[in-house]
Protein backbone atom coordinates (compact mmCIF):
# COMPACT_ATOMS: atom_id res chain seq x y z
CA MET A 1 43.77 97.11 -5.21
CA THR A 2 44.32 100.79 -6.28
CA ALA A 3 47.91 101.88 -6.53
CA THR A 4 48.89 104.77 -3.96
CA PRO A 5 51.25 107.65 -5.21
CA VAL A 6 54.33 107.20 -3.24
CA HIS A 7 54.19 110.83 -2.08
CA GLN A 8 51.18 109.88 0.04
CA LEU A 9 52.74 106.85 1.62
CA ASP A 10 53.98 106.78 5.34
CA LEU A 11 57.69 106.08 4.65
CA PRO A 12 60.69 106.51 6.78
CA ALA A 13 62.58 109.66 6.04
CA PHE A 14 66.19 109.69 5.18
CA ASP A 15 68.32 112.69 4.94
CA PRO A 16 71.79 112.46 4.23
CA THR A 17 72.65 115.95 5.06
CA GLY A 18 75.50 116.14 7.71
CA LEU A 19 75.88 112.59 7.75
CA ASP A 20 79.26 110.73 6.75
CA ARG A 21 79.19 107.93 4.55
CA GLU A 22 79.30 105.26 7.22
CA SER A 23 76.49 106.84 9.20
CA ARG A 24 74.45 107.03 6.04
CA ARG A 25 74.96 103.30 5.27
CA ALA A 26 73.96 102.44 8.94
CA ALA A 27 70.68 104.56 8.50
CA LEU A 28 69.80 103.01 5.27
CA ALA A 29 70.61 99.36 6.66
CA GLU A 30 68.26 100.19 9.68
CA ILE A 31 65.44 101.32 7.19
CA GLN A 32 66.08 98.38 5.16
CA ARG A 33 64.91 96.11 7.98
CA ASP A 34 61.38 97.05 7.80
CA HIS A 35 61.15 99.10 4.41
CA TRP A 36 62.08 98.84 0.73
CA VAL A 37 61.63 102.46 -0.05
CA ALA A 38 62.42 105.52 1.93
CA ARG A 39 61.51 109.42 1.69
CA THR A 40 64.72 111.61 0.90
CA PRO A 41 64.69 115.48 0.52
CA LEU A 42 64.98 115.19 -3.50
CA GLY A 43 62.89 111.99 -4.07
CA PHE A 44 63.21 108.38 -2.77
CA SER A 45 65.71 105.81 -1.94
CA ILE A 46 65.48 102.12 -2.94
CA VAL A 47 67.16 99.96 -0.40
CA ARG A 48 66.64 96.37 -0.87
CA TYR A 49 68.41 94.17 -3.47
CA ALA A 50 65.41 92.70 -5.40
CA ASP A 51 63.67 96.22 -5.57
CA ALA A 52 66.99 97.60 -6.86
CA VAL A 53 67.37 95.18 -9.67
CA ALA A 54 63.75 95.57 -10.61
CA LEU A 55 63.91 99.32 -10.94
CA LEU A 56 67.09 99.48 -12.63
CA ARG A 57 65.86 96.77 -15.12
CA ASP A 58 62.72 98.75 -15.72
CA ARG A 59 62.97 100.95 -19.02
CA ARG A 60 60.52 103.46 -17.65
CA PHE A 61 63.14 104.73 -15.30
CA HIS A 62 65.84 106.63 -16.97
CA SER A 63 69.48 107.45 -16.08
CA ALA A 64 69.50 110.81 -14.49
CA LEU A 65 73.14 111.60 -15.31
CA SER A 66 71.75 114.39 -17.86
CA LEU A 67 70.04 116.00 -14.82
CA ILE A 68 73.26 116.57 -13.02
CA PRO A 69 73.72 120.19 -13.92
CA GLN A 70 70.00 120.77 -13.53
CA MET A 71 70.33 119.34 -9.91
CA GLN A 72 73.27 121.54 -9.22
CA GLY A 73 71.53 124.68 -10.33
CA LEU A 74 72.66 125.27 -13.84
CA SER A 75 70.38 126.21 -16.37
CA ALA A 76 69.57 123.95 -19.38
CA GLU A 77 70.90 126.40 -21.76
CA THR A 78 74.36 126.31 -20.26
CA MET A 79 74.64 122.72 -21.12
CA GLU A 80 72.73 122.68 -24.39
CA ASN A 81 75.62 122.15 -26.61
CA ARG A 82 77.01 118.83 -24.96
CA ARG A 83 76.72 115.69 -27.09
CA PRO A 84 74.43 113.15 -25.15
CA SER A 85 76.80 110.21 -23.72
CA ILE A 86 75.88 106.51 -24.04
CA LEU A 87 76.07 106.70 -20.20
CA SER A 88 72.79 108.67 -20.03
CA MET A 89 71.22 107.78 -23.36
CA GLU A 90 67.72 105.99 -23.48
CA GLY A 91 65.39 104.49 -25.78
CA ASP A 92 66.18 103.48 -29.40
CA GLU A 93 69.44 105.43 -29.98
CA HIS A 94 70.71 103.82 -26.77
CA ALA A 95 69.63 100.22 -27.68
CA ARG A 96 71.48 100.92 -31.14
CA LEU A 97 74.74 101.94 -29.79
CA ARG A 98 74.80 99.25 -27.11
CA ARG A 99 74.15 96.58 -29.78
CA LEU A 100 76.82 97.73 -32.21
CA VAL A 101 79.52 98.28 -29.51
CA ALA A 102 78.76 94.98 -27.42
CA PRO A 103 81.24 92.86 -29.44
CA ALA A 104 84.09 94.96 -28.51
CA PHE A 105 83.51 94.77 -24.86
CA THR A 106 83.42 90.95 -24.27
CA PRO A 107 85.35 88.85 -21.90
CA ALA A 108 87.54 87.66 -24.49
CA ALA A 109 88.21 91.26 -25.57
CA ALA A 110 89.27 92.09 -21.94
CA ASN A 111 91.27 89.08 -21.82
CA ARG A 112 93.64 90.20 -24.83
CA LEU A 113 94.59 92.95 -22.55
CA ARG A 114 95.70 90.81 -19.42
CA PRO A 115 99.16 90.75 -20.23
CA PHE A 116 99.51 94.14 -20.76
CA MET A 117 97.77 94.72 -17.36
CA GLN A 118 100.26 92.87 -15.72
CA THR A 119 103.25 94.77 -17.50
CA VAL A 120 101.64 97.92 -16.22
CA ILE A 121 101.29 97.03 -12.59
CA ASP A 122 104.52 95.34 -12.45
CA GLU A 123 106.18 98.55 -13.63
CA LEU A 124 104.44 100.52 -10.99
CA LEU A 125 105.30 98.09 -8.10
CA ASP A 126 109.05 98.03 -9.37
CA THR A 127 108.92 101.79 -8.68
CA VAL A 128 108.00 101.57 -5.26
CA GLU A 129 109.33 98.33 -4.05
CA PRO A 130 112.90 99.55 -3.15
CA GLU A 131 110.93 102.22 -0.78
CA GLY A 132 109.23 99.73 1.31
CA ALA A 133 106.24 102.09 1.79
CA CYS A 134 104.16 104.29 -0.22
CA ASP A 135 100.87 106.11 -0.50
CA PHE A 136 99.12 103.46 -2.56
CA VAL A 137 96.55 105.85 -3.92
CA THR A 138 99.27 108.18 -5.65
CA ALA A 139 101.69 105.49 -6.47
CA VAL A 140 99.63 102.79 -7.95
CA CYS A 141 95.83 103.24 -7.87
CA GLU A 142 95.89 106.58 -9.71
CA PRO A 143 98.37 105.74 -12.62
CA TYR A 144 97.18 102.31 -13.26
CA PRO A 145 93.95 102.38 -15.45
CA ILE A 146 95.09 105.22 -17.85
CA PRO A 147 97.62 103.17 -19.77
CA ILE A 148 95.25 100.51 -20.18
CA ILE A 149 92.71 102.84 -21.60
CA CYS A 150 95.28 104.15 -23.86
CA GLU A 151 96.08 100.74 -25.00
CA LEU A 152 92.58 99.98 -25.64
CA LEU A 153 92.05 102.96 -27.83
CA GLY A 154 95.27 102.70 -29.50
CA ALA A 155 96.98 105.94 -27.96
CA PRO A 156 100.60 106.09 -27.68
CA ARG A 157 102.53 105.92 -24.31
CA GLU A 158 103.86 109.48 -24.71
CA ASP A 159 100.20 110.70 -24.50
CA TRP A 160 99.38 108.78 -21.30
CA GLN A 161 99.81 111.92 -18.96
CA ARG A 162 97.56 114.06 -21.28
CA PHE A 163 94.94 111.39 -20.90
CA SER A 164 95.05 111.24 -17.18
CA GLU A 165 94.88 115.14 -16.94
CA TRP A 166 91.84 115.02 -19.03
CA ALA A 167 90.17 112.33 -16.84
CA VAL A 168 90.90 114.32 -13.65
CA ASP A 169 89.07 117.36 -15.10
CA ILE A 170 86.00 115.59 -16.66
CA PHE A 171 85.40 113.70 -13.59
CA LYS A 172 84.65 116.76 -11.75
CA ILE A 173 81.20 116.48 -13.06
CA PHE A 174 80.31 114.18 -10.14
CA ASN A 175 81.69 116.32 -7.38
CA GLN A 176 78.56 118.44 -6.80
CA ASN A 177 80.61 121.85 -7.64
CA LEU A 178 79.66 122.07 -11.30
CA ALA A 179 79.33 125.80 -11.28
CA GLU A 180 82.88 126.41 -10.34
CA ASP A 181 84.24 123.15 -12.24
CA LEU A 182 82.47 123.65 -15.52
CA PRO A 183 85.18 125.62 -17.33
CA ALA A 184 87.77 122.95 -16.60
CA ILE A 185 85.45 120.04 -17.39
CA GLU A 186 84.50 121.74 -20.72
CA ALA A 187 88.13 122.59 -21.46
CA ALA A 188 89.19 119.04 -21.07
CA GLY A 189 86.47 117.62 -23.00
CA ALA A 190 87.21 119.69 -25.83
CA GLN A 191 90.89 118.81 -26.03
CA LEU A 192 89.85 114.93 -25.76
CA ASP A 193 87.44 115.50 -28.52
CA ALA A 194 89.90 116.99 -30.93
CA TYR A 195 92.54 114.18 -30.04
CA VAL A 196 90.05 111.44 -30.43
CA ARG A 197 88.85 112.98 -33.69
CA ALA A 198 92.52 113.10 -35.03
CA LEU A 199 93.03 109.18 -33.58
CA VAL A 200 89.95 108.12 -35.71
CA ASP A 201 91.22 109.81 -38.86
CA THR A 202 94.30 107.89 -38.70
CA ARG A 203 92.69 104.38 -37.80
CA ARG A 204 90.25 104.89 -40.79
CA ARG A 205 93.02 105.22 -42.87
CA ASP A 206 95.36 102.81 -41.20
CA PRO A 207 93.50 100.22 -38.89
CA SER A 208 95.33 98.63 -35.99
CA SER A 209 94.46 96.11 -33.07
CA ASP A 210 92.81 98.45 -31.02
CA LEU A 211 88.96 99.42 -29.82
CA LEU A 212 88.75 102.31 -32.35
CA SER A 213 89.88 100.02 -35.19
CA ASP A 214 87.31 97.38 -34.09
CA LEU A 215 84.48 99.82 -33.82
CA ILE A 216 85.17 101.48 -37.16
CA ALA A 217 84.97 98.05 -38.73
CA VAL A 218 81.61 97.38 -36.91
CA GLU A 219 78.61 97.11 -39.21
CA GLU A 220 75.35 95.53 -38.53
CA ALA A 221 72.46 95.65 -41.21
CA GLY A 222 74.01 98.41 -43.06
CA ASP A 223 74.31 100.63 -39.51
CA ARG A 224 77.85 101.81 -38.93
CA LEU A 225 79.06 104.33 -36.06
CA SER A 226 79.50 107.86 -37.11
CA THR A 227 82.82 109.72 -36.21
CA ASP A 228 80.51 111.64 -33.66
CA ASP A 229 79.64 108.11 -32.28
CA LEU A 230 83.21 107.14 -32.19
CA VAL A 231 84.37 110.18 -30.34
CA MET A 232 81.63 110.03 -27.92
CA LEU A 233 82.21 106.32 -27.11
CA ALA A 234 85.96 106.79 -26.66
CA GLU A 235 85.15 109.45 -24.04
CA ALA A 236 82.69 107.30 -22.24
CA VAL A 237 85.48 104.55 -21.99
CA LEU A 238 87.43 107.11 -20.46
CA MET A 239 84.87 108.24 -18.14
CA ALA A 240 83.74 104.82 -16.80
CA GLY A 241 86.87 103.09 -17.14
CA THR A 242 89.29 105.26 -15.09
CA ASP A 243 88.14 106.61 -11.78
CA THR A 244 86.07 103.64 -11.08
CA THR A 245 89.08 101.27 -11.32
CA ARG A 246 91.51 103.60 -9.57
CA ASN A 247 88.95 103.90 -6.59
CA GLN A 248 88.17 100.42 -6.41
CA LEU A 249 91.34 99.08 -6.25
CA ALA A 250 92.17 101.56 -3.58
CA CYS A 251 89.10 100.40 -1.62
CA ALA A 252 90.05 96.77 -2.18
CA ILE A 253 93.78 97.42 -0.79
CA ALA A 254 92.23 99.61 2.11
CA LEU A 255 89.82 96.87 2.86
CA LEU A 256 92.22 93.90 2.66
CA GLY A 257 94.65 95.64 4.72
CA ALA A 258 91.82 96.10 7.36
CA HIS A 259 91.29 92.45 7.14
CA PRO A 260 94.72 90.85 7.34
CA ASP A 261 93.36 87.26 7.56
CA GLN A 262 91.72 87.76 4.04
CA TRP A 263 94.88 89.31 2.82
CA GLN A 264 96.62 86.19 3.71
CA ARG A 265 94.13 83.93 2.07
CA LEU A 266 94.83 85.93 -1.16
CA VAL A 267 98.66 85.53 -0.58
CA ALA A 268 98.32 82.03 0.01
CA ASP A 269 96.31 81.37 -3.10
CA PRO A 270 96.50 84.38 -5.66
CA SER A 271 93.92 82.56 -7.95
CA LEU A 272 91.22 83.72 -5.05
CA ALA A 273 91.72 87.12 -6.71
CA ALA A 274 88.31 86.70 -8.77
CA GLY A 275 86.48 86.13 -5.65
CA ALA A 276 88.27 88.96 -3.82
CA VAL A 277 87.10 91.55 -6.61
CA GLU A 278 83.51 90.58 -6.35
CA GLU A 279 83.66 90.54 -2.51
CA THR A 280 85.53 93.80 -2.23
CA MET A 281 82.91 95.52 -4.72
CA ARG A 282 79.94 93.97 -2.75
CA TYR A 283 81.19 95.22 0.59
CA LEU A 284 83.07 98.56 -0.40
CA GLY A 285 81.97 99.75 -3.77
CA ALA A 286 83.64 102.73 -5.35
CA VAL A 287 80.12 103.49 -6.74
CA GLN A 288 77.63 103.50 -3.89
CA GLY A 289 74.54 104.50 -5.58
CA THR A 290 72.90 105.58 -8.71
CA VAL A 291 70.17 107.75 -9.44
CA ARG A 292 66.97 107.24 -11.80
CA VAL A 293 64.32 109.43 -13.03
CA ALA A 294 60.62 108.34 -13.72
CA ALA A 295 59.97 108.92 -17.57
CA GLU A 296 56.16 108.50 -17.03
CA ASP A 297 53.81 107.33 -14.13
CA ILE A 298 55.06 104.17 -13.19
CA GLU A 299 53.30 101.48 -10.85
CA TYR A 300 55.50 99.30 -9.01
CA ARG A 301 54.47 97.23 -6.00
CA ASP A 302 51.01 99.01 -5.84
CA VAL A 303 53.00 102.10 -5.39
CA VAL A 304 52.93 104.91 -8.24
CA PHE A 305 56.04 106.91 -9.00
CA PRO A 306 54.96 110.06 -10.87
CA ARG A 307 56.64 111.24 -14.00
CA GLY A 308 59.77 113.13 -12.98
CA THR A 309 60.20 111.45 -9.53
CA LEU A 310 63.74 110.94 -8.82
CA VAL A 311 64.61 107.32 -7.29
CA PHE A 312 68.13 107.01 -5.62
CA VAL A 313 69.14 103.36 -5.81
CA ALA A 314 71.30 102.61 -2.74
CA LEU A 315 73.80 99.93 -4.44
CA ALA A 316 75.90 99.58 -1.21
CA THR A 317 72.86 99.00 0.93
CA ALA A 318 71.44 96.57 -1.46
CA ASN A 319 74.82 94.85 -1.55
CA ARG A 320 74.48 94.10 2.18
CA ASP A 321 70.85 92.73 2.02
CA ALA A 322 70.25 89.87 4.15
CA ASP A 323 67.78 88.39 1.97
CA GLN A 324 70.22 87.98 -0.81
CA PHE A 325 73.88 87.50 1.01
CA ALA A 326 74.36 85.37 4.07
CA ASP A 327 76.01 87.21 6.90
CA PRO A 328 76.17 90.32 4.80
CA GLU A 329 78.33 92.21 7.11
CA ASP A 330 81.01 89.63 7.02
CA PHE A 331 84.00 90.20 4.69
CA ASP A 332 84.81 87.04 2.93
CA ILE A 333 86.69 86.75 -0.12
CA THR A 334 85.63 83.05 -0.66
CA ARG A 335 81.97 83.89 -0.51
CA GLU A 336 79.87 81.89 -2.70
CA SER A 337 76.97 84.01 -3.79
CA ARG A 338 73.82 83.08 -5.80
CA VAL A 339 73.33 86.74 -7.01
CA PRO A 340 76.01 89.29 -8.34
CA ASN A 341 76.91 92.52 -6.40
CA LEU A 342 75.30 95.53 -7.75
CA THR A 343 78.28 98.04 -8.02
CA PHE A 344 78.44 97.53 -11.78
CA GLY A 345 74.58 98.30 -12.03
CA SER A 346 71.92 96.01 -13.64
CA GLY A 347 69.63 96.51 -16.78
CA ILE A 348 70.26 98.41 -19.78
CA HIS A 349 72.96 100.76 -18.06
CA TYR A 350 74.84 97.97 -16.71
CA CYS A 351 78.36 98.93 -17.01
CA LEU A 352 79.61 98.23 -20.50
CA GLY A 353 83.27 97.81 -19.36
CA ALA A 354 82.37 95.69 -16.47
CA HIS A 355 84.71 92.63 -17.97
CA LEU A 356 87.45 94.97 -18.59
CA ALA A 357 87.06 96.39 -15.03
CA ARG A 358 87.04 92.92 -13.36
CA ALA A 359 90.23 91.80 -15.52
CA GLU A 360 92.02 94.79 -14.24
CA LEU A 361 91.16 94.49 -10.78
CA GLN A 362 91.95 90.65 -10.75
CA GLU A 363 95.30 91.14 -12.32
CA SER A 364 96.25 93.69 -9.98
CA LEU A 365 95.36 92.09 -6.78
CA ALA A 366 96.79 88.93 -7.69
CA LEU A 367 100.13 90.44 -8.60
CA ILE A 368 100.33 92.59 -5.68
CA ALA A 369 99.66 89.66 -3.31
CA THR A 370 102.31 87.80 -5.11
CA ARG A 371 104.83 90.52 -5.02
CA PHE A 372 104.08 92.15 -1.42
CA PRO A 373 102.96 89.29 0.77
CA ASN A 374 103.50 91.28 3.94
CA LEU A 375 101.85 94.29 2.77
CA GLU A 376 100.00 96.23 5.52
CA LEU A 377 98.59 99.38 6.49
CA ALA A 378 100.91 101.91 7.63
CA GLY A 379 98.55 104.44 8.94
CA PRO A 380 94.98 105.55 8.72
CA VAL A 381 93.16 105.79 5.38
CA ALA A 382 92.10 109.38 4.51
CA TRP A 383 88.73 109.29 2.49
CA LYS A 384 87.56 111.42 -0.55
CA PRO A 385 84.79 113.67 0.33
CA ASP A 386 81.33 112.21 0.78
CA ASN A 387 80.14 114.40 -2.14
CA PHE A 388 82.32 112.34 -4.66
CA GLY A 389 80.09 110.43 -6.93
CA ILE A 390 82.78 107.87 -7.50
CA TRP A 391 84.44 107.63 -4.27
CA GLY A 392 87.45 105.88 -2.39
CA PRO A 393 90.60 106.52 -0.50
CA ALA A 394 92.23 110.01 -0.95
CA SER A 395 95.43 108.59 0.61
CA LEU A 396 96.12 105.08 1.61
CA PRO A 397 99.50 104.48 3.46
CA VAL A 398 100.93 101.10 3.22
CA ARG A 399 104.22 99.29 3.74
CA TRP A 400 106.10 96.15 3.09
CA SER A 401 109.33 94.62 4.19
CA HIS A 402 111.95 92.97 1.71
């Protein structure tokens, strides 16, 4: 059987222009019933779980993060001096870095930070508890991950605010307004670069029990990480480990607030936090999709994706695929699933900090349920604009009684 170029197939069309996020999800869910791929204005969307996993694990499909500037109308020359990140690298160099840093991102490494995570979330809850109400996004979710990333890197408490400000500006790269935001992104990146270089110099002279010291000590078959490698990795940890956790925690609280029966299950048994984290990521992930580009002509399922074809992997749609998840539209924190949700991705670009993020979310949900058992939504949730790549509530009013 001869493979057919994907552009020649009679496919359902999906155009997200003008649709809100829920309408987009509903349209893709409708397509998913009969098709595994849909045509979009810029490429093709993969909507079923098995195909999403297959494409994410196919090394011929490369991360499209490096194409963000081009997709937003900026020339290659504008971004030519930016150092490649492990988040968008491919090939041998990506494999080398993942191999060298993997021991620093194990479950055991994440577990060492759990007591500190508890301290951070406890302090944030202490601040708001007497008030009986707050905007959970600004009071808890936004400040929560930064101290943990700083502790991971070995940055002192007095610098937490600086890291938070850098993270806010650097994350603007995902907001589809790059022409306007680029000066702030570059300024924050330059300041973070200089800070981390100084921190690396300090740790080379005086190692400590932190990630940078661990990475400096890493060596395999005579291969070591350079200072440029270490700086890039620290920046990647800040990018990958901050906004995702902030938004996913806010999504979880919003979702549990909208399902008080599930919240009370967690209150009654905080050990369900691990399952609650997985189910909230499946049902309402802060990362709803990811983009890949065909690095060569690729044949898959008797379909040819020509080199340069953009493929949008609809993670949120795949996470509700009825072929993989029983009653996928039901939200159940005690769900037992034979497959993992795809919010952390799959394949060689699977989230390096997944164990850390899971630990942060588990510790926070368990402690919030223990301390604020009657927490409830105090008004409508305001969501971030749909063009945000990492997405969640912009405002989340909650209340509780003493």
